[in-house]
Amino acid sequence: YPALILSTEWGAPVETYAALAEDLASHGYLVFGIDHPGGSGVVIYPDGSEPEHDPIRIVPDEANNIEWALDIAYVASWLQGAPSADAARVCVDERAVPNVHRALGALDSGRIAALGHSFGGAAAVRADAESAAIVASADLDGALIGDATRLAASARTMVLLSPGHSELDSSIDEFFDAAGPASHRLTIEGTLHSNFGDNSWLYARVLTVYPDLTREGYQLGSIDPQRSHAIVTSYLRAFFASALDGTPSLLLDGPSPEYPEVMFGD
């Protein structure tokens, strides 16, 4: 099976991407989610200890994005090099070891890609550009951090954007001015920044704590949660099937009547 390494937006635990991960796993991908010690929420190691970071001093800058990309690259290299039986022993729940062992034993170490949302999307692209273990990446509404032109020369990437993203960020334009034809830029009408994870479904629960929070305040657009999930997962699967397996998809060739909300290019 091919593997996907999933990174999060700044401050978000990986569990808030469960629907995305489960969909990809149900289509034959082994999905490995990362809670980065420097910035993706509370992290507790298997021995009960915590990272020695002061959360107030951690900022989402390029230095930290480099660290996130190194986390992704490390996981990819670890998956390539660790025997599945040894790797499975890192499980916190010993009951899961046999299942994890079987899953890792079926991993194709030559087909590893990365994806992420927001800050994690930038880290996924950077890891793709800088790690030989990662052969493709997807960025969900994340501004690229650092030299976007340099990253474009080495990464094979799909970027899924909300309509207002490019008004605030020039890095995507810089990336695609230099990117090759194997990279794709798509915009999904009706989305805002939080429509790319599970927040559409979590919003109702958040309202029980913050009853005055609007959808826009939670960075959710007008699109139906089921619809945005279907679009994001369909295009991710099409891209990774093309990048990892060489399977062509009409979805990547241009606008589709099945998904009129999706626009190509600028």
C-alpha atoms as a PDB file:
ATOM      1  CA  TYR A   1       0.000   0.000   0.000  1.00  0.00           C
ATOM      2  CA  PRO A   2       1.146   3.599  -0.561  1.00  0.00           C
ATOM      3  CA  ALA A   3       1.599   5.818   2.497  1.00  0.00           C
ATOM      4  CA  LEU A   4       0.461   9.376   3.205  1.00  0.00           C
ATOM      5  CA  ILE A   5       1.979  11.429   6.026  1.00  0.00           C
ATOM      6  CA  LEU A   6      -0.564  13.944   7.328  1.00  0.00           C
ATOM      7  CA  SER A   7       0.373  17.253   8.957  1.00  0.00           C
ATOM      8  CA  THR A   8      -1.993  19.756  10.605  1.00  0.00           C
ATOM      9  CA  GLU A   9      -2.626  23.451  10.754  1.00  0.00           C
ATOM     10  CA  TRP A  10      -0.894  25.453  13.476  1.00  0.00           C
ATOM     11  CA  GLY A  11      -2.228  24.581  16.919  1.00  0.00           C
ATOM     12  CA  ALA A  12      -4.546  21.798  15.750  1.00  0.00           C
ATOM     13  CA  PRO A  13      -4.358  18.174  16.943  1.00  0.00           C
ATOM     14  CA  VAL A  14      -4.226  15.566  14.213  1.00  0.00           C
ATOM     15  CA  GLU A  15      -7.520  14.083  15.458  1.00  0.00           C
ATOM     16  CA  THR A  16      -9.334  17.039  13.860  1.00  0.00           C
ATOM     17  CA  TYR A  17      -8.550  15.497  10.458  1.00  0.00           C
ATOM     18  CA  ALA A  18     -10.101  12.104  11.221  1.00  0.00           C
ATOM     19  CA  ALA A  19     -12.690  12.201   8.413  1.00  0.00           C
ATOM     20  CA  LEU A  20     -10.035  13.103   5.860  1.00  0.00           C
ATOM     21  CA  ALA A  21      -7.667  10.377   7.080  1.00  0.00           C
ATOM     22  CA  GLU A  22     -10.402   7.727   7.225  1.00  0.00           C
ATOM     23  CA  ASP A  23     -11.523   8.455   3.679  1.00  0.00           C
ATOM     24  CA  LEU A  24      -7.995   8.119   2.315  1.00  0.00           C
ATOM     25  CA  ALA A  25      -7.388   4.961   4.348  1.00  0.00           C
ATOM     26  CA  SER A  26     -10.627   3.455   3.022  1.00  0.00           C
ATOM     27  CA  HIS A  27      -9.244   3.840  -0.505  1.00  0.00           C
ATOM     28  CA  GLY A  28      -6.059   1.891   0.134  1.00  0.00           C
ATOM     29  CA  TYR A  29      -3.646   4.389   1.686  1.00  0.00           C
ATOM     30  CA  LEU A  30      -1.780   3.922   4.951  1.00  0.00           C
ATOM     31  CA  VAL A  31      -2.199   7.293   6.668  1.00  0.00           C
ATOM     32  CA  PHE A  32       0.255   8.446   9.344  1.00  0.00           C
ATOM     33  CA  GLY A  33      -0.798  11.588  11.221  1.00  0.00           C
ATOM     34  CA  ILE A  34       1.752  13.746  13.028  1.00  0.00           C
ATOM     35  CA  ASP A  35       1.261  15.871  16.135  1.00  0.00           C
ATOM     36  CA  HIS A  36       4.345  18.074  15.855  1.00  0.00           C
ATOM     37  CA  PRO A  37       5.998  18.777  19.234  1.00  0.00           C
ATOM     38  CA  GLY A  38       6.536  22.414  18.216  1.00  0.00           C
ATOM     39  CA  GLY A  39       3.133  23.892  17.528  1.00  0.00           C
ATOM     40  CA  SER A  40       0.393  21.417  16.657  1.00  0.00           C
ATOM     41  CA  GLY A  41      -1.356  21.271  20.010  1.00  0.00           C
ATOM     42  CA  VAL A  42      -0.669  19.363  23.198  1.00  0.00           C
ATOM     43  CA  VAL A  43       1.826  16.532  22.702  1.00  0.00           C
ATOM     44  CA  ILE A  44       2.540  13.826  25.276  1.00  0.00           C
ATOM     45  CA  TYR A  45       5.143  11.179  24.505  1.00  0.00           C
ATOM     46  CA  PRO A  46       4.468   7.456  25.156  1.00  0.00           C
ATOM     47  CA  ASP A  47       6.468   7.572  28.393  1.00  0.00           C
ATOM     48  CA  GLY A  48       4.229  10.351  29.737  1.00  0.00           C
ATOM     49  CA  SER A  49       6.734  13.180  29.277  1.00  0.00           C
ATOM     50  CA  GLU A  50       6.093  16.349  27.296  1.00  0.00           C
ATOM     51  CA  PRO A  51       8.249  18.396  24.893  1.00  0.00           C
ATOM     52  CA  GLU A  52      10.434  20.945  26.627  1.00  0.00           C
ATOM     53  CA  HIS A  53       8.930  23.874  24.746  1.00  0.00           C
ATOM     54  CA  ASP A  54       7.415  27.060  26.100  1.00  0.00           C
ATOM     55  CA  PRO A  55       4.232  27.405  24.010  1.00  0.00           C
ATOM     56  CA  ILE A  56       4.343  31.185  24.310  1.00  0.00           C
ATOM     57  CA  ARG A  57       7.733  31.264  22.591  1.00  0.00           C
ATOM     58  CA  ILE A  58       6.777  29.031  19.665  1.00  0.00           C
ATOM     59  CA  VAL A  59       5.881  31.021  16.556  1.00  0.00           C
ATOM     60  CA  PRO A  60       4.807  29.824  13.097  1.00  0.00           C
ATOM     61  CA  ASP A  61       7.881  31.121  11.281  1.00  0.00           C
ATOM     62  CA  GLU A  62      10.157  29.581   8.665  1.00  0.00           C
ATOM     63  CA  ALA A  63      12.482  28.045  11.245  1.00  0.00           C
ATOM     64  CA  ASN A  64       9.563  26.194  12.787  1.00  0.00           C
ATOM     65  CA  ASN A  65       8.223  25.192   9.379  1.00  0.00           C
ATOM     66  CA  ILE A  66      11.614  23.667   8.611  1.00  0.00           C
ATOM     67  CA  GLU A  67      11.299  21.639  11.829  1.00  0.00           C
ATOM     68  CA  TRP A  68       7.847  20.402  10.803  1.00  0.00           C
ATOM     69  CA  ALA A  69       9.181  19.399   7.381  1.00  0.00           C
ATOM     70  CA  LEU A  70      12.019  17.527   9.088  1.00  0.00           C
ATOM     71  CA  ASP A  71       9.435  15.711  11.227  1.00  0.00           C
ATOM     72  CA  ILE A  72       7.640  14.589   8.058  1.00  0.00           C
ATOM     73  CA  ALA A  73      10.870  13.574   6.349  1.00  0.00           C
ATOM     74  CA  TYR A  74      11.976  11.655   9.451  1.00  0.00           C
ATOM     75  CA  VAL A  75       8.729   9.666   9.538  1.00  0.00           C
ATOM     76  CA  ALA A  76       9.118   8.854   5.825  1.00  0.00           C
ATOM     77  CA  SER A  77      12.700   7.661   6.300  1.00  0.00           C
ATOM     78  CA  TRP A  78      11.710   5.701   9.412  1.00  0.00           C
ATOM     79  CA  LEU A  79       8.938   3.970   7.484  1.00  0.00           C
ATOM     80  CA  GLN A  80      11.435   3.012   4.796  1.00  0.00           C
ATOM     81  CA  GLY A  81      14.091   1.739   7.153  1.00  0.00           C
ATOM     82  CA  ALA A  82      12.422   0.213  10.204  1.00  0.00           C
ATOM     83  CA  PRO A  83      11.390  -3.469  10.007  1.00  0.00           C
ATOM     84  CA  SER A  84       7.627  -3.627  10.429  1.00  0.00           C
ATOM     85  CA  ALA A  85       7.823  -5.775  13.583  1.00  0.00           C
ATOM     86  CA  ASP A  86      10.170  -3.296  15.288  1.00  0.00           C
ATOM     87  CA  ALA A  87       8.168  -0.275  14.122  1.00  0.00           C
ATOM     88  CA  ALA A  88       4.941  -1.757  15.442  1.00  0.00           C
ATOM     89  CA  ARG A  89       6.368  -1.918  18.946  1.00  0.00           C
ATOM     90  CA  VAL A  90       6.200   1.866  19.297  1.00  0.00           C
ATOM     91  CA  CYS A  91       2.413   1.538  19.685  1.00  0.00           C
ATOM     92  CA  VAL A  92       1.107   2.978  22.946  1.00  0.00           C
ATOM     93  CA  ASP A  93      -1.631   0.347  22.977  1.00  0.00           C
ATOM     94  CA  GLU A  94      -0.003  -3.080  22.969  1.00  0.00           C
ATOM     95  CA  ARG A  95      -3.219  -4.608  21.652  1.00  0.00           C
ATOM     96  CA  ALA A  96      -2.703  -2.695  18.401  1.00  0.00           C
ATOM     97  CA  VAL A  97       0.771  -4.102  17.733  1.00  0.00           C
ATOM     98  CA  PRO A  98      -0.308  -7.106  15.578  1.00  0.00           C
ATOM     99  CA  ASN A  99      -2.550  -4.958  13.352  1.00  0.00           C
ATOM    100  CA  VAL A 100       0.092  -2.250  12.995  1.00  0.00           C
ATOM    101  CA  HIS A 101       2.699  -4.900  12.190  1.00  0.00           C
ATOM    102  CA  ARG A 102       0.537  -6.263   9.370  1.00  0.00           C
ATOM    103  CA  ALA A 103      -0.185  -2.800   8.002  1.00  0.00           C
ATOM    104  CA  LEU A 104       3.459  -1.737   8.015  1.00  0.00           C
ATOM    105  CA  GLY A 105       4.457  -5.016   6.441  1.00  0.00           C
ATOM    106  CA  ALA A 106       2.218  -4.161   3.474  1.00  0.00           C
ATOM    107  CA  LEU A 107       3.675  -0.655   2.991  1.00  0.00           C
ATOM    108  CA  ASP A 108       5.333   0.180  -0.325  1.00  0.00           C
ATOM    109  CA  SER A 109       8.317   2.269   0.762  1.00  0.00           C
ATOM    110  CA  GLY A 110       8.716   3.666  -2.748  1.00  0.00           C
ATOM    111  CA  ARG A 111       5.260   5.292  -2.655  1.00  0.00           C
ATOM    112  CA  ILE A 112       5.258   7.770   0.218  1.00  0.00           C
ATOM    113  CA  ALA A 113       3.659  11.204  -0.072  1.00  0.00           C
ATOM    114  CA  ALA A 114       2.857  14.042   2.326  1.00  0.00           C
ATOM    115  CA  LEU A 115      -0.156  16.279   2.792  1.00  0.00           C
ATOM    116  CA  GLY A 116      -1.093  18.984   5.219  1.00  0.00           C
ATOM    117  CA  HIS A 117      -3.434  21.828   6.016  1.00  0.00           C
ATOM    118  CA  SER A 118      -2.300  25.449   6.379  1.00  0.00           C
ATOM    119  CA  PHE A 119       1.102  25.537   8.146  1.00  0.00           C
ATOM    120  CA  GLY A 120       1.260  21.762   7.789  1.00  0.00           C
ATOM    121  CA  GLY A 121       0.587  22.074   4.055  1.00  0.00           C
ATOM    122  CA  ALA A 122       3.623  24.319   3.702  1.00  0.00           C
ATOM    123  CA  ALA A 123       5.667  21.775   5.654  1.00  0.00           C
ATOM    124  CA  ALA A 124       4.423  18.945   3.410  1.00  0.00           C
ATOM    125  CA  VAL A 125       5.560  20.784   0.269  1.00  0.00           C
ATOM    126  CA  ARG A 126       8.923  21.588   1.831  1.00  0.00           C
ATOM    127  CA  ALA A 127       9.398  17.959   2.875  1.00  0.00           C
ATOM    128  CA  ASP A 128       8.524  16.842  -0.652  1.00  0.00           C
ATOM    129  CA  ALA A 129      11.079  19.232  -2.114  1.00  0.00           C
ATOM    130  CA  GLU A 130      13.856  18.314   0.299  1.00  0.00           C
ATOM    131  CA  SER A 131      13.390  14.616   1.088  1.00  0.00           C
ATOM    132  CA  ALA A 132      14.138  11.843  -1.393  1.00  0.00           C
ATOM    133  CA  ALA A 133      11.788   9.566   0.567  1.00  0.00           C
ATOM    134  CA  ILE A 134       8.717  11.682  -0.342  1.00  0.00           C
ATOM    135  CA  VAL A 135       7.614  11.708  -3.959  1.00  0.00           C
ATOM    136  CA  ALA A 136       4.573  14.036  -3.918  1.00  0.00           C
ATOM    137  CA  SER A 137       2.678  16.436  -1.667  1.00  0.00           C
ATOM    138  CA  ALA A 138      -0.636  18.217  -1.228  1.00  0.00           C
ATOM    139  CA  ASP A 139      -1.181  21.579   0.440  1.00  0.00           C
ATOM    140  CA  LEU A 140      -4.657  22.413   1.751  1.00  0.00           C
ATOM    141  CA  ASP A 141      -5.024  26.209   1.799  1.00  0.00           C
ATOM    142  CA  GLY A 142      -1.575  26.850   3.191  1.00  0.00           C
ATOM    143  CA  ALA A 143       0.735  29.735   2.301  1.00  0.00           C
ATOM    144  CA  LEU A 144       4.153  28.461   1.261  1.00  0.00           C
ATOM    145  CA  ILE A 145       6.938  29.571   3.578  1.00  0.00           C
ATOM    146  CA  GLY A 146      10.415  30.337   2.302  1.00  0.00           C
ATOM    147  CA  ASP A 147      11.633  30.390  -1.296  1.00  0.00           C
ATOM    148  CA  ALA A 148       8.564  29.211  -3.205  1.00  0.00           C
ATOM    149  CA  THR A 149      10.437  29.192  -6.521  1.00  0.00           C
ATOM    150  CA  ARG A 150      13.094  26.848  -5.124  1.00  0.00           C
ATOM    151  CA  LEU A 151      10.451  24.540  -3.665  1.00  0.00           C
ATOM    152  CA  ALA A 152       8.633  24.404  -7.010  1.00  0.00           C
ATOM    153  CA  ALA A 153      11.746  23.098  -8.742  1.00  0.00           C
ATOM    154  CA  SER A 154      11.765  19.914  -6.643  1.00  0.00           C
ATOM    155  CA  ALA A 155       8.188  19.282  -5.484  1.00  0.00           C
ATOM    156  CA  ARG A 156       5.280  17.591  -7.228  1.00  0.00           C
ATOM    157  CA  THR A 157       2.344  19.270  -5.545  1.00  0.00           C
ATOM    158  CA  MET A 158      -1.388  19.840  -5.622  1.00  0.00           C
ATOM    159  CA  VAL A 159      -2.626  22.970  -3.835  1.00  0.00           C
ATOM    160  CA  LEU A 160      -6.323  23.226  -2.914  1.00  0.00           C
ATOM    161  CA  LEU A 161      -7.331  26.783  -2.014  1.00  0.00           C
ATOM    162  CA  SER A 162     -10.245  28.790  -0.672  1.00  0.00           C
ATOM    163  CA  PRO A 163     -11.255  31.691  -2.972  1.00  0.00           C
ATOM    164  CA  GLY A 164      -9.913  34.459  -0.743  1.00  0.00           C
ATOM    165  CA  HIS A 165      -6.538  32.859  -0.171  1.00  0.00           C
ATOM    166  CA  SER A 166      -4.623  34.484  -3.027  1.00  0.00           C
ATOM    167  CA  GLU A 167      -5.728  37.956  -1.903  1.00  0.00           C
ATOM    168  CA  LEU A 168      -3.597  37.508   1.203  1.00  0.00           C
ATOM    169  CA  ASP A 169      -0.728  35.407  -0.106  1.00  0.00           C
ATOM    170  CA  SER A 170       1.615  35.764  -3.098  1.00  0.00           C
ATOM    171  CA  SER A 171       3.618  32.593  -2.420  1.00  0.00           C
ATOM    172  CA  ILE A 172       1.223  30.376  -4.400  1.00  0.00           C
ATOM    173  CA  ASP A 173       1.658  32.549  -7.506  1.00  0.00           C
ATOM    174  CA  GLU A 174       5.433  32.436  -7.091  1.00  0.00           C
ATOM    175  CA  PHE A 175       5.341  28.651  -6.731  1.00  0.00           C
ATOM    176  CA  PHE A 176       3.224  28.033  -9.826  1.00  0.00           C
ATOM    177  CA  ASP A 177       5.167  30.505 -11.937  1.00  0.00           C
ATOM    178  CA  ALA A 178       8.056  28.045 -11.549  1.00  0.00           C
ATOM    179  CA  ALA A 179       6.219  24.709 -11.161  1.00  0.00           C
ATOM    180  CA  GLY A 180       6.046  22.023 -13.811  1.00  0.00           C
ATOM    181  CA  PRO A 181       2.901  20.508 -15.380  1.00  0.00           C
ATOM    182  CA  ALA A 182       2.726  17.715 -12.775  1.00  0.00           C
ATOM    183  CA  SER A 183       1.726  20.254 -10.101  1.00  0.00           C
ATOM    184  CA  HIS A 184      -1.852  21.536  -9.860  1.00  0.00           C
ATOM    185  CA  ARG A 185      -3.566  24.587  -8.383  1.00  0.00           C
ATOM    186  CA  LEU A 186      -7.296  24.387  -7.671  1.00  0.00           C
ATOM    187  CA  THR A 187      -9.735  26.698  -5.900  1.00  0.00           C
ATOM    188  CA  ILE A 188     -12.975  25.470  -4.307  1.00  0.00           C
ATOM    189  CA  GLU A 189     -15.843  27.955  -4.318  1.00  0.00           C
ATOM    190  CA  GLY A 190     -17.754  28.376  -1.058  1.00  0.00           C
ATOM    191  CA  THR A 191     -14.856  27.392   1.178  1.00  0.00           C
ATOM    192  CA  LEU A 192     -12.923  29.262   3.830  1.00  0.00           C
ATOM    193  CA  HIS A 193      -9.775  28.153   5.617  1.00  0.00           C
ATOM    194  CA  SER A 194     -11.400  25.681   8.031  1.00  0.00           C
ATOM    195  CA  ASN A 195     -13.368  23.777   5.380  1.00  0.00           C
ATOM    196  CA  PHE A 196     -10.356  21.559   4.665  1.00  0.00           C
ATOM    197  CA  GLY A 197     -10.450  19.529   7.879  1.00  0.00           C
ATOM    198  CA  ASP A 198     -13.186  18.287  10.195  1.00  0.00           C
ATOM    199  CA  ASN A 199     -14.161  21.711  11.550  1.00  0.00           C
ATOM    200  CA  SER A 200     -17.367  21.822   9.508  1.00  0.00           C
ATOM    201  CA  TRP A 201     -18.698  18.977  11.642  1.00  0.00           C
ATOM    202  CA  LEU A 202     -17.134  20.227  14.868  1.00  0.00           C
ATOM    203  CA  TYR A 203     -18.743  23.669  14.574  1.00  0.00           C
ATOM    204  CA  ALA A 204     -22.022  22.579  16.192  1.00  0.00           C
ATOM    205  CA  ARG A 205     -20.131  21.375  19.263  1.00  0.00           C
ATOM    206  CA  VAL A 206     -18.015  24.509  19.411  1.00  0.00           C
ATOM    207  CA  LEU A 207     -21.244  26.544  19.553  1.00  0.00           C
ATOM    208  CA  THR A 208     -22.143  24.875  22.841  1.00  0.00           C
ATOM    209  CA  VAL A 209     -19.092  26.570  24.355  1.00  0.00           C
ATOM    210  CA  TYR A 210     -19.007  29.744  22.236  1.00  0.00           C
ATOM    211  CA  PRO A 211     -22.651  30.362  21.236  1.00  0.00           C
ATOM    212  CA  ASP A 212     -21.891  33.712  19.551  1.00  0.00           C
ATOM    213  CA  LEU A 213     -19.252  32.322  17.197  1.00  0.00           C
ATOM    214  CA  THR A 214     -20.310  32.718  13.553  1.00  0.00           C
ATOM    215  CA  ARG A 215     -19.394  30.372  10.727  1.00  0.00           C
ATOM    216  CA  GLU A 216     -17.186  33.089   9.263  1.00  0.00           C
ATOM    217  CA  GLY A 217     -15.554  33.589  12.657  1.00  0.00           C
ATOM    218  CA  TYR A 218     -14.760  29.874  12.676  1.00  0.00           C
ATOM    219  CA  GLN A 219     -13.425  30.293   9.098  1.00  0.00           C
ATOM    220  CA  LEU A 220     -16.147  28.168   7.525  1.00  0.00           C
ATOM    221  CA  GLY A 221     -17.628  29.062   4.152  1.00  0.00           C
ATOM    222  CA  SER A 222     -21.135  28.520   2.845  1.00  0.00           C
ATOM    223  CA  ILE A 223     -20.437  25.126   1.257  1.00  0.00           C
ATOM    224  CA  ASP A 224     -22.147  22.071   2.773  1.00  0.00           C
ATOM    225  CA  PRO A 225     -19.739  19.993   4.919  1.00  0.00           C
ATOM    226  CA  GLN A 226     -20.477  16.774   3.049  1.00  0.00           C
ATOM    227  CA  ARG A 227     -19.902  18.515  -0.267  1.00  0.00           C
ATOM    228  CA  SER A 228     -16.576  20.099   0.684  1.00  0.00           C
ATOM    229  CA  HIS A 229     -15.385  16.781   2.116  1.00  0.00           C
ATOM    230  CA  ALA A 230     -16.366  14.956  -1.092  1.00  0.00           C
ATOM    231  CA  ILE A 231     -14.534  17.490  -3.265  1.00  0.00           C
ATOM    232  CA  VAL A 232     -11.350  17.615  -1.198  1.00  0.00           C
ATOM    233  CA  THR A 233     -11.041  13.841  -0.878  1.00  0.00           C
ATOM    234  CA  SER A 234     -11.900  13.178  -4.541  1.00  0.00           C
ATOM    235  CA  TYR A 235      -9.195  15.511  -5.809  1.00  0.00           C
ATOM    236  CA  LEU A 236      -6.646  14.277  -3.275  1.00  0.00           C
ATOM    237  CA  ARG A 237      -7.262  10.680  -4.334  1.00  0.00           C
ATOM    238  CA  ALA A 238      -7.019  11.609  -8.016  1.00  0.00           C
ATOM    239  CA  PHE A 239      -3.752  13.448  -7.469  1.00  0.00           C
ATOM    240  CA  PHE A 240      -2.076  10.802  -5.346  1.00  0.00           C
ATOM    241  CA  ALA A 241      -3.210   8.011  -7.691  1.00  0.00           C
ATOM    242  CA  SER A 242      -1.542   9.921 -10.519  1.00  0.00           C
ATOM    243  CA  ALA A 243       1.605  10.823  -8.584  1.00  0.00           C
ATOM    244  CA  LEU A 244       2.169   7.475  -6.843  1.00  0.00           C
ATOM    245  CA  ASP A 245       0.690   4.972  -9.291  1.00  0.00           C
ATOM    246  CA  GLY A 246       0.700   6.759 -12.657  1.00  0.00           C
ATOM    247  CA  THR A 247      -3.095   6.419 -12.858  1.00  0.00           C
ATOM    248  CA  PRO A 248      -4.540   9.167 -15.090  1.00  0.00           C
ATOM    249  CA  SER A 249      -7.607  11.100 -13.951  1.00  0.00           C
ATOM    250  CA  LEU A 250      -9.889  13.418 -15.868  1.00  0.00           C
ATOM    251  CA  LEU A 251     -10.299  15.423 -12.660  1.00  0.00           C
ATOM    252  CA  LEU A 252      -6.745  16.703 -13.067  1.00  0.00           C
ATOM    253  CA  ASP A 253      -7.161  17.661 -16.724  1.00  0.00           C
ATOM    254  CA  GLY A 254      -9.569  20.548 -16.235  1.00  0.00           C
ATOM    255  CA  PRO A 255     -12.995  21.621 -14.956  1.00  0.00           C
ATOM    256  CA  SER A 256     -15.433  18.781 -14.242  1.00  0.00           C
ATOM    257  CA  PRO A 257     -19.247  18.940 -14.508  1.00  0.00           C
ATOM    258  CA  GLU A 258     -19.336  16.701 -11.442  1.00  0.00           C
ATOM    259  CA  TYR A 259     -17.562  19.353  -9.371  1.00  0.00           C
ATOM    260  CA  PRO A 260     -18.492  22.792 -10.788  1.00  0.00           C
ATOM    261  CA  GLU A 261     -17.244  24.434  -7.570  1.00  0.00           C
ATOM    262  CA  VAL A 262     -13.632  23.656  -8.545  1.00  0.00           C
ATOM    263  CA  MET A 263     -11.684  26.190 -10.591  1.00  0.00           C
ATOM    264  CA  PHE A 264      -8.267  25.574 -12.129  1.00  0.00           C
ATOM    265  CA  GLY A 265      -5.377  28.019 -12.121  1.00  0.00           C
ATOM    266  CA  ASP A 266      -5.709  31.567 -10.807  1.00  0.00           C
END
